[in-house]
Protein backbone atom coordinates (compact mmCIF):
# COMPACT_ATOMS: atom_id res chain seq x y z
CA MET A 1 -28.25 6.53 5.26
CA GLU A 2 -27.70 7.46 1.61
CA LEU A 3 -25.53 10.43 0.65
CA ARG A 4 -25.25 11.91 -2.85
CA ILE A 5 -22.05 13.86 -3.46
CA ALA A 6 -20.32 15.62 -6.34
CA THR A 7 -17.03 17.36 -7.02
CA TYR A 8 -16.54 20.00 -9.70
CA ASN A 9 -13.84 22.47 -10.77
CA ILE A 10 -16.00 25.35 -12.02
CA HIS A 11 -13.20 27.33 -13.71
CA LYS A 12 -14.13 30.58 -11.92
CA GLY A 13 -17.58 30.61 -13.50
CA GLU A 14 -16.26 30.73 -17.06
CA SER A 15 -16.71 28.17 -19.81
CA PHE A 16 -13.85 26.39 -21.57
CA ALA A 17 -14.15 29.20 -24.16
CA HIS A 18 -14.05 31.88 -21.37
CA ARG A 19 -17.76 32.66 -21.64
CA PRO A 20 -19.52 33.69 -18.39
CA ILE A 21 -21.74 30.79 -17.33
CA ILE A 22 -22.39 31.18 -13.59
CA ARG A 23 -26.19 31.05 -14.03
CA GLU A 24 -25.94 27.94 -16.19
CA LEU A 25 -23.59 26.40 -13.61
CA LYS A 26 -26.14 27.00 -10.88
CA HIS A 27 -28.89 25.22 -12.82
CA ALA A 28 -26.58 22.33 -13.74
CA ILE A 29 -25.32 21.81 -10.18
CA CYS A 30 -28.88 21.98 -8.89
CA SER A 31 -29.90 19.29 -11.39
CA LEU A 32 -27.47 16.86 -9.72
CA ASP A 33 -29.65 16.89 -6.59
CA ALA A 34 -26.51 16.29 -4.50
CA ASP A 35 -26.45 16.52 -0.72
CA ILE A 36 -22.85 17.79 -0.61
CA VAL A 37 -20.94 19.45 -3.46
CA PHE A 38 -17.16 19.99 -3.40
CA LEU A 39 -16.15 22.92 -5.62
CA GLN A 40 -12.80 24.23 -6.82
CA GLU A 41 -11.80 27.51 -8.53
CA VAL A 42 -14.66 29.38 -6.92
CA GLN A 43 -14.39 33.18 -6.93
CA GLY A 44 -15.10 34.69 -3.55
CA ARG A 45 -14.57 38.20 -4.90
CA HIS A 46 -14.67 39.34 -8.50
CA ASP A 47 -14.60 43.14 -8.73
CA ARG A 48 -13.63 43.35 -12.39
CA LYS A 49 -15.88 40.68 -13.98
CA GLY A 50 -18.73 40.24 -11.54
CA ALA A 51 -21.12 42.93 -12.73
CA LEU A 52 -20.43 42.12 -16.38
CA PHE A 53 -20.98 38.37 -15.92
CA ALA A 54 -24.16 38.44 -13.83
CA PRO A 55 -25.46 41.62 -12.21
CA ASP A 56 -27.72 39.64 -9.86
CA TRP A 57 -24.81 37.93 -8.05
CA HIS A 58 -21.70 40.09 -8.27
CA HIS A 59 -22.17 41.51 -4.75
CA LYS A 60 -21.72 38.04 -3.25
CA GLY A 61 -19.22 35.23 -3.67
CA GLN A 62 -19.90 32.51 -6.19
CA ASP A 63 -20.23 30.03 -3.33
CA GLU A 64 -23.09 32.06 -1.83
CA TYR A 65 -24.78 32.45 -5.20
CA LEU A 66 -24.56 28.75 -5.99
CA ALA A 67 -25.69 27.85 -2.46
CA ASP A 68 -29.07 29.52 -2.89
CA MET A 69 -30.34 26.04 -3.83
CA THR A 70 -29.02 24.62 -0.56
CA GLN A 71 -28.97 25.85 3.01
CA TYR A 72 -25.29 26.03 3.84
CA CYS A 73 -21.97 26.93 2.20
CA ALA A 74 -18.33 27.41 3.18
CA TYR A 75 -15.47 29.04 1.30
CA GLY A 76 -11.69 28.84 1.66
CA LYS A 77 -9.70 31.68 0.07
CA ASN A 78 -6.50 30.52 -1.62
CA ALA A 79 -5.39 32.71 -4.55
CA VAL A 80 -5.51 36.48 -4.01
CA TYR A 81 -5.00 39.05 -6.78
CA GLU A 82 -5.69 42.72 -7.44
CA PHE A 83 -9.34 42.39 -8.39
CA GLY A 84 -10.42 39.52 -6.18
CA HIS A 85 -9.67 36.02 -4.98
CA HIS A 86 -10.68 32.40 -5.52
CA GLY A 87 -10.46 29.10 -3.70
CA ASN A 88 -12.43 26.01 -2.71
CA ALA A 89 -16.02 25.80 -1.50
CA LEU A 90 -18.47 23.32 -0.04
CA LEU A 91 -22.24 23.37 -0.54
CA SER A 92 -24.38 21.23 1.75
CA VAL A 93 -28.03 20.56 2.47
CA TYR A 94 -26.87 19.65 5.98
CA PRO A 95 -25.48 22.14 8.53
CA ILE A 96 -21.79 22.96 8.30
CA VAL A 97 -20.83 23.11 11.96
CA GLY A 98 -17.12 23.86 11.58
CA GLN A 99 -14.65 24.95 8.94
CA THR A 100 -10.94 25.70 8.56
CA ASN A 101 -8.73 26.42 5.56
CA THR A 102 -5.17 25.09 5.48
CA ASP A 103 -2.61 26.72 3.19
CA VAL A 104 -0.62 24.07 1.31
CA SER A 105 0.98 26.37 -1.26
CA ASP A 106 4.28 24.88 -2.36
CA HIS A 107 5.76 27.90 -4.17
CA SER A 108 4.86 31.49 -5.01
CA LEU A 109 3.40 30.72 -8.46
CA GLU A 110 0.49 28.59 -7.17
CA GLN A 111 -1.68 29.29 -4.13
CA ARG A 112 -3.39 26.11 -2.94
CA GLY A 113 -5.44 25.16 0.09
CA ILE A 114 -7.45 22.42 1.79
CA LEU A 115 -10.93 23.46 2.95
CA HIS A 116 -11.97 21.28 5.89
CA CYS A 117 -15.66 21.29 6.87
CA GLU A 118 -17.56 19.31 9.48
CA VAL A 119 -21.05 18.47 8.25
CA GLN A 120 -23.75 17.35 10.67
CA ALA A 121 -26.09 14.97 8.82
CA GLY A 122 -28.61 14.07 11.50
CA PRO A 123 -26.69 12.11 14.16
CA LEU A 124 -23.72 11.64 11.80
CA ARG A 125 -20.68 13.98 11.78
CA ILE A 126 -18.95 13.84 8.38
CA TYR A 127 -15.47 15.28 7.89
CA CYS A 128 -15.18 16.81 4.41
CA TYR A 129 -12.03 18.05 2.67
CA VAL A 130 -12.09 20.06 -0.56
CA VAL A 131 -8.78 19.80 -2.40
CA HIS A 132 -7.09 21.48 -5.37
CA LEU A 133 -3.48 20.37 -5.77
CA GLY A 134 -0.67 21.89 -7.83
CA LEU A 135 0.45 21.38 -11.39
CA PHE A 136 3.91 20.00 -10.55
CA LYS A 137 4.49 16.41 -9.44
CA GLY A 138 6.78 17.31 -6.53
CA SER A 139 4.28 19.86 -5.26
CA ARG A 140 1.43 17.36 -5.40
CA ILE A 141 3.38 14.79 -3.42
CA ARG A 142 4.22 17.32 -0.70
CA GLN A 143 0.65 18.62 -0.68
CA THR A 144 -0.71 15.08 -0.37
CA LYS A 145 1.53 14.51 2.66
CA ALA A 146 0.12 17.76 4.09
CA LEU A 147 -3.41 16.53 3.32
CA ILE A 148 -2.81 13.27 5.18
CA GLU A 149 -1.45 15.20 8.17
CA THR A 150 -4.40 17.61 8.08
CA VAL A 151 -7.01 14.84 7.96
CA ASN A 152 -5.35 12.88 10.78
CA ARG A 153 -5.12 16.06 12.87
CA THR A 154 -8.67 17.31 12.31
CA SER A 155 -10.78 14.13 12.29
CA PRO A 156 -11.13 11.41 14.95
CA PRO A 157 -9.65 7.98 14.16
CA GLY A 158 -12.09 5.95 12.10
CA ALA A 159 -14.50 8.86 11.57
CA PRO A 160 -16.31 9.01 8.21
CA ILE A 161 -14.41 11.24 5.81
CA ILE A 162 -14.84 12.45 2.23
CA ILE A 163 -11.93 13.98 0.31
CA ALA A 164 -12.78 15.35 -3.11
CA GLY A 165 -11.47 17.78 -5.66
CA ASP A 166 -9.03 18.45 -8.46
CA PHE A 167 -5.87 16.49 -7.71
CA ASN A 168 -4.18 17.19 -11.09
CA ASP A 169 -2.97 13.60 -10.73
CA TRP A 170 -3.14 12.41 -14.33
CA GLN A 171 -0.46 9.74 -13.70
CA VAL A 172 -2.36 8.34 -10.67
CA ASN A 173 0.60 8.67 -8.29
CA LEU A 174 -1.26 9.76 -5.16
CA SER A 175 -3.96 7.15 -4.53
CA ASP A 176 -1.66 4.65 -2.83
CA MET A 177 -0.33 7.37 -0.50
CA LEU A 178 -3.87 8.26 0.54
CA ARG A 179 -4.95 4.65 0.96
CA LYS A 180 -1.98 3.88 3.19
CA GLY A 181 -2.07 7.15 5.13
CA LEU A 182 -5.81 7.45 5.70
CA GLY A 183 -7.46 4.12 4.93
CA VAL A 184 -9.57 5.65 2.15
CA ASN A 185 -10.83 4.22 -1.12
CA GLU A 186 -11.49 5.99 -4.38
CA VAL A 187 -15.15 5.79 -5.34
CA PHE A 188 -14.31 4.10 -8.65
CA ASP A 189 -12.36 1.29 -6.97
CA GLY A 190 -14.06 -2.01 -7.78
CA ILE A 191 -16.77 -0.46 -9.96
CA ASP A 192 -17.10 -1.96 -13.42
CA SER A 193 -16.97 1.29 -15.37
CA ALA A 194 -14.73 3.27 -17.67
CA PRO A 195 -11.85 5.21 -16.07
CA ALA A 196 -12.99 8.48 -14.51
CA LYS A 197 -11.55 10.86 -17.08
CA THR A 198 -12.72 14.41 -16.49
CA PHE A 199 -10.48 16.79 -18.47
CA PRO A 200 -11.04 18.43 -20.85
CA ALA A 201 -14.80 18.19 -20.43
CA ILE A 202 -15.51 18.35 -24.15
CA PHE A 203 -13.36 15.24 -24.77
CA PRO A 204 -12.16 13.83 -21.43
CA PHE A 205 -8.70 12.28 -21.60
CA PHE A 206 -7.05 12.94 -18.20
CA ARG A 207 -8.05 11.67 -14.75
CA LEU A 208 -7.63 14.88 -12.76
CA ASP A 209 -10.55 14.76 -10.33
CA ARG A 210 -11.09 12.30 -7.49
CA ILE A 211 -13.41 11.37 -4.63
CA TYR A 212 -11.96 9.35 -1.73
CA THR A 213 -14.02 8.09 1.19
CA ARG A 214 -13.66 6.24 4.47
CA GLY A 215 -16.50 4.65 6.43
CA PHE A 216 -18.92 4.53 3.49
CA SER A 217 -19.98 1.88 1.02
CA ILE A 218 -20.08 3.05 -2.59
CA THR A 219 -23.25 2.22 -4.51
CA GLY A 220 -22.52 4.24 -7.65
CA ALA A 221 -20.01 6.61 -9.26
CA ARG A 222 -19.90 8.28 -12.64
CA VAL A 223 -18.48 11.12 -14.68
CA MET A 224 -21.13 13.59 -15.84
CA ARG A 225 -20.67 13.64 -19.61
CA GLY A 226 -22.38 15.40 -22.50
CA ARG A 227 -24.52 18.51 -22.29
CA PRO A 228 -24.74 20.73 -20.36
CA TRP A 229 -21.35 19.83 -18.87
CA THR A 230 -19.40 20.17 -22.13
CA GLN A 231 -20.67 23.76 -22.40
CA LEU A 232 -19.62 24.79 -18.90
CA SER A 233 -16.26 24.30 -17.18
CA ASP A 234 -13.11 22.76 -18.68
CA HIS A 235 -13.60 19.90 -16.16
CA ALA A 236 -16.46 17.42 -16.03
CA PRO A 237 -17.91 16.78 -12.55
CA LEU A 238 -17.84 13.49 -10.68
CA PHE A 239 -20.96 12.20 -8.91
CA ALA A 240 -21.16 9.37 -6.38
CA THR A 241 -23.76 7.74 -4.15
CA LEU A 242 -22.59 6.60 -0.71
CA ASN A 243 -24.19 4.61 2.09
CA ILE A 244 -23.40 4.45 5.76
CA GLY A 245 -25.15 2.67 8.61
CA ILE A 246 -26.22 4.84 11.53
């Protein structure tokens, strides 16, 4: 079975220059033709900017608007403020048969969470985790330990898992922890390609975004560069093709 996946920090539907681009984002994400999309910085409520940005979607969350091209979506609320809230989301062409959101906030200045979804792809149950870790090294280490505990608690031993998102791990300190704690591999491991630099999208220099898997073989992985991605979020998305025998 082949599975096409992507991860993307959509910057709350604003471009790097703070221009509203939710419609353009929808078209771009749809063009990936991915089966499962892991999203970060998704606004679930947007009272102040919604109507101004796109009158045809401001009565629903960005996850629901973007999921019009798919059949299923899930949203985990993390950061709450006066005019709304944002968090992580998962879009899937396959049914999402379970979801939980785990708060891994490390201090009051950053609200972070892990969105855990169980996706039923035919006879295969896939355990998906959408991640957005903090800006401080100590926070990221503690949040990664919480991620390992969450995955081990919510997925059966040896079950196929996908962990994807914005790890803010530009020094690549967390991969070994995840490999040892969960038996995962990063999708770029062993692939003869340039490092997966995703930030800033207009001239990627930092490796902030990751996809880790267990139980899959990786047949391809790449950073989506150039237009339209340089005109959208401050991050570039990652795209990978996985295979699993069923």
